[in-house]
Amino acid sequence: MTTAAATDTGSVQRITGAATLAGVVGWPVAHSRSPLLHNYWLRRYGIDGAYVPLAVPPGQLATALHGLRVAGFRGVNVTIPHKEEAFALCDDHDRSALRAGSANTLVFLADGRIRGLSTDGAGFLGNLQAHGVRPAGRALVLGAGGAARSVVAALLDQGVE
């Protein structure tokens, strides 16, 4: 069965029972622009999929992740306040997540395991470099959450004190 969802451009996005599902988990999450961005590209390239905001209250992340895996989600992005807890729930981590002690991207593997990645630091550095800024010397990072920890790890990897 195919359902249709109207989009902001007036076109129709087709989603079937075989759709690839992903989303962003957070509390709150209604402000996130990620669904708008990801669903634009899914629609643009005709991909049978959906990216949804998932409001998950603190203390409920493990339960939510289990349910999402069972429901067939391929993974989720993670935002406040869940990045450190997400890291702890992963079975495997990339180097950036290990360095930061947090994960903002979770991939649900076919064998039931969860792989955690931390992309905040790489994204931060990529944005700086795209604007001609090459961090060097010393840096001050204001913040204490998972994103700040990821940025610190990325700066240290670049030789910044």
C-alpha atoms as a PDB file:
ATOM      1  CA  MET A   1       0.000   0.000   0.000  1.00  0.00           C
ATOM      2  CA  THR A   2       1.300   3.433  -0.897  1.00  0.00           C
ATOM      3  CA  THR A   3       0.444   6.568   1.029  1.00  0.00           C
ATOM      4  CA  ALA A   4       1.097  10.119  -0.038  1.00  0.00           C
ATOM      5  CA  ALA A   5       2.166  13.057   2.069  1.00  0.00           C
ATOM      6  CA  ALA A   6       1.866  16.618   0.808  1.00  0.00           C
ATOM      7  CA  THR A   7       5.082  18.588   0.932  1.00  0.00           C
ATOM      8  CA  ASP A   8       5.880  22.256   1.235  1.00  0.00           C
ATOM      9  CA  THR A   9       6.544  22.459  -2.515  1.00  0.00           C
ATOM     10  CA  GLY A  10       3.180  20.976  -3.443  1.00  0.00           C
ATOM     11  CA  SER A  11       4.723  17.774  -4.801  1.00  0.00           C
ATOM     12  CA  VAL A  12       3.801  14.412  -3.330  1.00  0.00           C
ATOM     13  CA  GLN A  13       6.195  12.088  -1.550  1.00  0.00           C
ATOM     14  CA  ARG A  14       5.356   8.401  -1.914  1.00  0.00           C
ATOM     15  CA  ILE A  15       6.047   6.157   1.064  1.00  0.00           C
ATOM     16  CA  THR A  16       5.507   2.398   0.891  1.00  0.00           C
ATOM     17  CA  GLY A  17       5.755  -0.459   3.365  1.00  0.00           C
ATOM     18  CA  ALA A  18       9.338  -0.957   2.142  1.00  0.00           C
ATOM     19  CA  ALA A  19      10.361   2.621   2.977  1.00  0.00           C
ATOM     20  CA  THR A  20      13.719   3.353   4.569  1.00  0.00           C
ATOM     21  CA  LEU A  21      12.980   4.995   7.921  1.00  0.00           C
ATOM     22  CA  ALA A  22      15.175   7.301   9.968  1.00  0.00           C
ATOM     23  CA  GLY A  23      14.673  10.228  12.289  1.00  0.00           C
ATOM     24  CA  VAL A  24      15.986  12.548  14.929  1.00  0.00           C
ATOM     25  CA  VAL A  25      15.465  11.812  18.642  1.00  0.00           C
ATOM     26  CA  GLY A  26      15.502  14.564  21.216  1.00  0.00           C
ATOM     27  CA  TRP A  27      13.588  16.386  23.940  1.00  0.00           C
ATOM     28  CA  PRO A  28      12.420  18.787  22.725  1.00  0.00           C
ATOM     29  CA  VAL A  29      12.682  18.014  19.015  1.00  0.00           C
ATOM     30  CA  ALA A  30       9.851  19.994  17.369  1.00  0.00           C
ATOM     31  CA  HIS A  31      12.286  22.815  16.514  1.00  0.00           C
ATOM     32  CA  SER A  32      14.586  20.565  14.472  1.00  0.00           C
ATOM     33  CA  ARG A  33      14.989  21.436  10.800  1.00  0.00           C
ATOM     34  CA  SER A  34      16.485  18.006  10.071  1.00  0.00           C
ATOM     35  CA  PRO A  35      13.188  16.430   8.889  1.00  0.00           C
ATOM     36  CA  LEU A  36      12.620  19.290   6.430  1.00  0.00           C
ATOM     37  CA  LEU A  37      16.150  18.953   5.057  1.00  0.00           C
ATOM     38  CA  HIS A  38      16.286  15.163   4.815  1.00  0.00           C
ATOM     39  CA  ASN A  39      12.771  14.757   3.445  1.00  0.00           C
ATOM     40  CA  TYR A  40      13.533  17.347   0.756  1.00  0.00           C
ATOM     41  CA  TRP A  41      16.407  15.188  -0.529  1.00  0.00           C
ATOM     42  CA  LEU A  42      14.430  11.946  -0.220  1.00  0.00           C
ATOM     43  CA  ARG A  43      11.674  13.529  -2.312  1.00  0.00           C
ATOM     44  CA  ARG A  44      14.124  15.168  -4.747  1.00  0.00           C
ATOM     45  CA  TYR A  45      15.777  11.849  -5.564  1.00  0.00           C
ATOM     46  CA  GLY A  46      12.608   9.758  -5.439  1.00  0.00           C
ATOM     47  CA  ILE A  47      13.791   7.667  -2.498  1.00  0.00           C
ATOM     48  CA  ASP A  48      11.089   5.630  -0.767  1.00  0.00           C
ATOM     49  CA  GLY A  49      11.777   6.824   2.749  1.00  0.00           C
ATOM     50  CA  ALA A  50      10.911   9.159   5.577  1.00  0.00           C
ATOM     51  CA  TYR A  51      12.858  11.096   8.194  1.00  0.00           C
ATOM     52  CA  VAL A  52      10.765  11.983  11.226  1.00  0.00           C
ATOM     53  CA  PRO A  53      11.122  13.971  14.448  1.00  0.00           C
ATOM     54  CA  LEU A  54      10.857  11.686  17.472  1.00  0.00           C
ATOM     55  CA  ALA A  55      10.156  13.329  20.830  1.00  0.00           C
ATOM     56  CA  VAL A  56      11.783  11.009  23.380  1.00  0.00           C
ATOM     57  CA  PRO A  57      11.622  12.134  27.027  1.00  0.00           C
ATOM     58  CA  PRO A  58      14.716  11.843  29.217  1.00  0.00           C
ATOM     59  CA  GLY A  59      15.076   8.361  30.677  1.00  0.00           C
ATOM     60  CA  GLN A  60      13.225   6.716  27.777  1.00  0.00           C
ATOM     61  CA  LEU A  61      15.962   6.543  25.127  1.00  0.00           C
ATOM     62  CA  ALA A  62      16.758   2.828  25.505  1.00  0.00           C
ATOM     63  CA  THR A  63      13.082   1.908  25.210  1.00  0.00           C
ATOM     64  CA  ALA A  64      12.612   4.184  22.204  1.00  0.00           C
ATOM     65  CA  LEU A  65      15.679   2.818  20.386  1.00  0.00           C
ATOM     66  CA  HIS A  66      14.486  -0.747  20.909  1.00  0.00           C
ATOM     67  CA  GLY A  67      11.076   0.146  19.503  1.00  0.00           C
ATOM     68  CA  LEU A  68      12.547   1.970  16.515  1.00  0.00           C
ATOM     69  CA  ARG A  69      14.775  -1.002  15.639  1.00  0.00           C
ATOM     70  CA  VAL A  70      11.825  -3.388  15.897  1.00  0.00           C
ATOM     71  CA  ALA A  71       9.752  -1.031  13.710  1.00  0.00           C
ATOM     72  CA  GLY A  72      12.386  -1.209  10.970  1.00  0.00           C
ATOM     73  CA  PHE A  73      14.202   2.111  11.367  1.00  0.00           C
ATOM     74  CA  ARG A  74      17.710   2.131   9.877  1.00  0.00           C
ATOM     75  CA  GLY A  75      19.022   4.656  12.378  1.00  0.00           C
ATOM     76  CA  VAL A  76      18.562   8.016  14.035  1.00  0.00           C
ATOM     77  CA  ASN A  77      20.321  11.263  14.656  1.00  0.00           C
ATOM     78  CA  VAL A  78      20.509  12.283  18.293  1.00  0.00           C
ATOM     79  CA  THR A  79      20.118  15.731  19.815  1.00  0.00           C
ATOM     80  CA  ILE A  80      19.673  17.181  23.303  1.00  0.00           C
ATOM     81  CA  PRO A  81      19.655  15.744  25.910  1.00  0.00           C
ATOM     82  CA  HIS A  82      20.492  12.233  24.682  1.00  0.00           C
ATOM     83  CA  LYS A  83      24.012  12.266  23.156  1.00  0.00           C
ATOM     84  CA  GLU A  84      25.902  10.882  26.149  1.00  0.00           C
ATOM     85  CA  GLU A  85      23.220   8.275  26.911  1.00  0.00           C
ATOM     86  CA  ALA A  86      23.161   7.298  23.228  1.00  0.00           C
ATOM     87  CA  PHE A  87      26.906   6.679  23.415  1.00  0.00           C
ATOM     88  CA  ALA A  88      26.419   4.379  26.422  1.00  0.00           C
ATOM     89  CA  LEU A  89      23.726   2.370  24.606  1.00  0.00           C
ATOM     90  CA  CYS A  90      25.884   1.629  21.549  1.00  0.00           C
ATOM     91  CA  ASP A  91      27.563  -1.712  20.959  1.00  0.00           C
ATOM     92  CA  ASP A  92      30.244  -0.208  18.727  1.00  0.00           C
ATOM     93  CA  HIS A  93      31.632   3.319  18.209  1.00  0.00           C
ATOM     94  CA  ASP A  94      33.643   5.202  15.629  1.00  0.00           C
ATOM     95  CA  ARG A  95      36.852   6.933  16.717  1.00  0.00           C
ATOM     96  CA  SER A  96      35.177  10.345  17.037  1.00  0.00           C
ATOM     97  CA  ALA A  97      32.456   9.012  19.327  1.00  0.00           C
ATOM     98  CA  LEU A  98      35.044   7.284  21.496  1.00  0.00           C
ATOM     99  CA  ARG A  99      37.057  10.507  21.787  1.00  0.00           C
ATOM    100  CA  ALA A 100      33.986  12.625  22.587  1.00  0.00           C
ATOM    101  CA  GLY A 101      32.166  10.139  24.811  1.00  0.00           C
ATOM    102  CA  SER A 102      28.977  10.978  22.951  1.00  0.00           C
ATOM    103  CA  ALA A 103      27.148   9.913  19.800  1.00  0.00           C
ATOM    104  CA  ASN A 104      24.900  12.008  17.560  1.00  0.00           C
ATOM    105  CA  THR A 105      24.324   9.385  14.854  1.00  0.00           C
ATOM    106  CA  LEU A 106      23.154   5.833  15.539  1.00  0.00           C
ATOM    107  CA  VAL A 107      23.091   3.150  12.859  1.00  0.00           C
ATOM    108  CA  PHE A 108      20.973   0.062  13.508  1.00  0.00           C
ATOM    109  CA  LEU A 109      22.961  -2.846  12.096  1.00  0.00           C
ATOM    110  CA  ALA A 110      21.364  -5.978  10.591  1.00  0.00           C
ATOM    111  CA  ASP A 111      22.698  -8.126  13.446  1.00  0.00           C
ATOM    112  CA  GLY A 112      20.835  -6.040  16.049  1.00  0.00           C
ATOM    113  CA  ARG A 113      23.819  -4.018  17.235  1.00  0.00           C
ATOM    114  CA  ILE A 114      23.912  -0.219  17.340  1.00  0.00           C
ATOM    115  CA  ARG A 115      26.913   1.664  15.956  1.00  0.00           C
ATOM    116  CA  GLY A 116      27.457   5.154  17.352  1.00  0.00           C
ATOM    117  CA  LEU A 117      29.160   7.955  15.489  1.00  0.00           C
ATOM    118  CA  SER A 118      29.974  11.525  16.416  1.00  0.00           C
ATOM    119  CA  THR A 119      29.830  13.909  13.462  1.00  0.00           C
ATOM    120  CA  ASP A 120      29.434  17.251  15.262  1.00  0.00           C
ATOM    121  CA  GLY A 121      33.163  17.968  15.392  1.00  0.00           C
ATOM    122  CA  ALA A 122      33.790  17.125  11.737  1.00  0.00           C
ATOM    123  CA  GLY A 123      30.812  19.278  10.746  1.00  0.00           C
ATOM    124  CA  PHE A 124      32.100  22.181  12.827  1.00  0.00           C
ATOM    125  CA  LEU A 125      35.590  21.963  11.304  1.00  0.00           C
ATOM    126  CA  GLY A 126      34.170  21.546   7.804  1.00  0.00           C
ATOM    127  CA  ASN A 127      32.150  24.740   8.217  1.00  0.00           C
ATOM    128  CA  LEU A 128      35.198  26.660   9.445  1.00  0.00           C
ATOM    129  CA  GLN A 129      37.309  25.401   6.549  1.00  0.00           C
ATOM    130  CA  ALA A 130      34.567  26.205   4.023  1.00  0.00           C
ATOM    131  CA  HIS A 131      34.854  29.802   5.218  1.00  0.00           C
ATOM    132  CA  GLY A 132      38.627  29.889   4.971  1.00  0.00           C
ATOM    133  CA  VAL A 133      39.314  29.436   8.682  1.00  0.00           C
ATOM    134  CA  ARG A 134      42.092  27.020   9.587  1.00  0.00           C
ATOM    135  CA  PRO A 135      42.101  26.517  13.373  1.00  0.00           C
ATOM    136  CA  ALA A 136      45.551  26.692  14.942  1.00  0.00           C
ATOM    137  CA  GLY A 137      47.089  27.497  18.292  1.00  0.00           C
ATOM    138  CA  ARG A 138      44.578  27.650  21.097  1.00  0.00           C
ATOM    139  CA  ALA A 139      40.797  27.549  21.130  1.00  0.00           C
ATOM    140  CA  LEU A 140      38.112  28.137  23.704  1.00  0.00           C
ATOM    141  CA  VAL A 141      34.968  26.035  23.334  1.00  0.00           C
ATOM    142  CA  LEU A 142      31.972  27.151  25.351  1.00  0.00           C
ATOM    143  CA  GLY A 143      29.650  24.265  26.094  1.00  0.00           C
ATOM    144  CA  ALA A 144      29.607  21.022  28.002  1.00  0.00           C
ATOM    145  CA  GLY A 145      27.274  18.754  26.044  1.00  0.00           C
ATOM    146  CA  GLY A 146      27.956  16.093  23.462  1.00  0.00           C
ATOM    147  CA  ALA A 147      28.403  18.549  20.574  1.00  0.00           C
ATOM    148  CA  ALA A 148      30.961  20.599  22.510  1.00  0.00           C
ATOM    149  CA  ARG A 149      32.854  17.441  23.442  1.00  0.00           C
ATOM    150  CA  SER A 150      32.897  16.381  19.787  1.00  0.00           C
ATOM    151  CA  VAL A 151      34.184  19.804  18.705  1.00  0.00           C
ATOM    152  CA  VAL A 152      36.950  19.668  21.330  1.00  0.00           C
ATOM    153  CA  ALA A 153      38.007  16.208  20.134  1.00  0.00           C
ATOM    154  CA  ALA A 154      38.065  17.373  16.496  1.00  0.00           C
ATOM    155  CA  LEU A 155      40.132  20.459  17.377  1.00  0.00           C
ATOM    156  CA  LEU A 156      42.611  18.326  19.357  1.00  0.00           C
ATOM    157  CA  ASP A 157      42.912  15.998  16.341  1.00  0.00           C
ATOM    158  CA  GLN A 158      43.868  19.091  14.290  1.00  0.00           C
ATOM    159  CA  GLY A 159      46.634  19.943  16.758  1.00  0.00           C
ATOM    160  CA  VAL A 160      44.732  22.813  18.373  1.00  0.00           C
ATOM    161  CA  GLU A 161      45.329  23.247  22.103  1.00  0.00           C
END
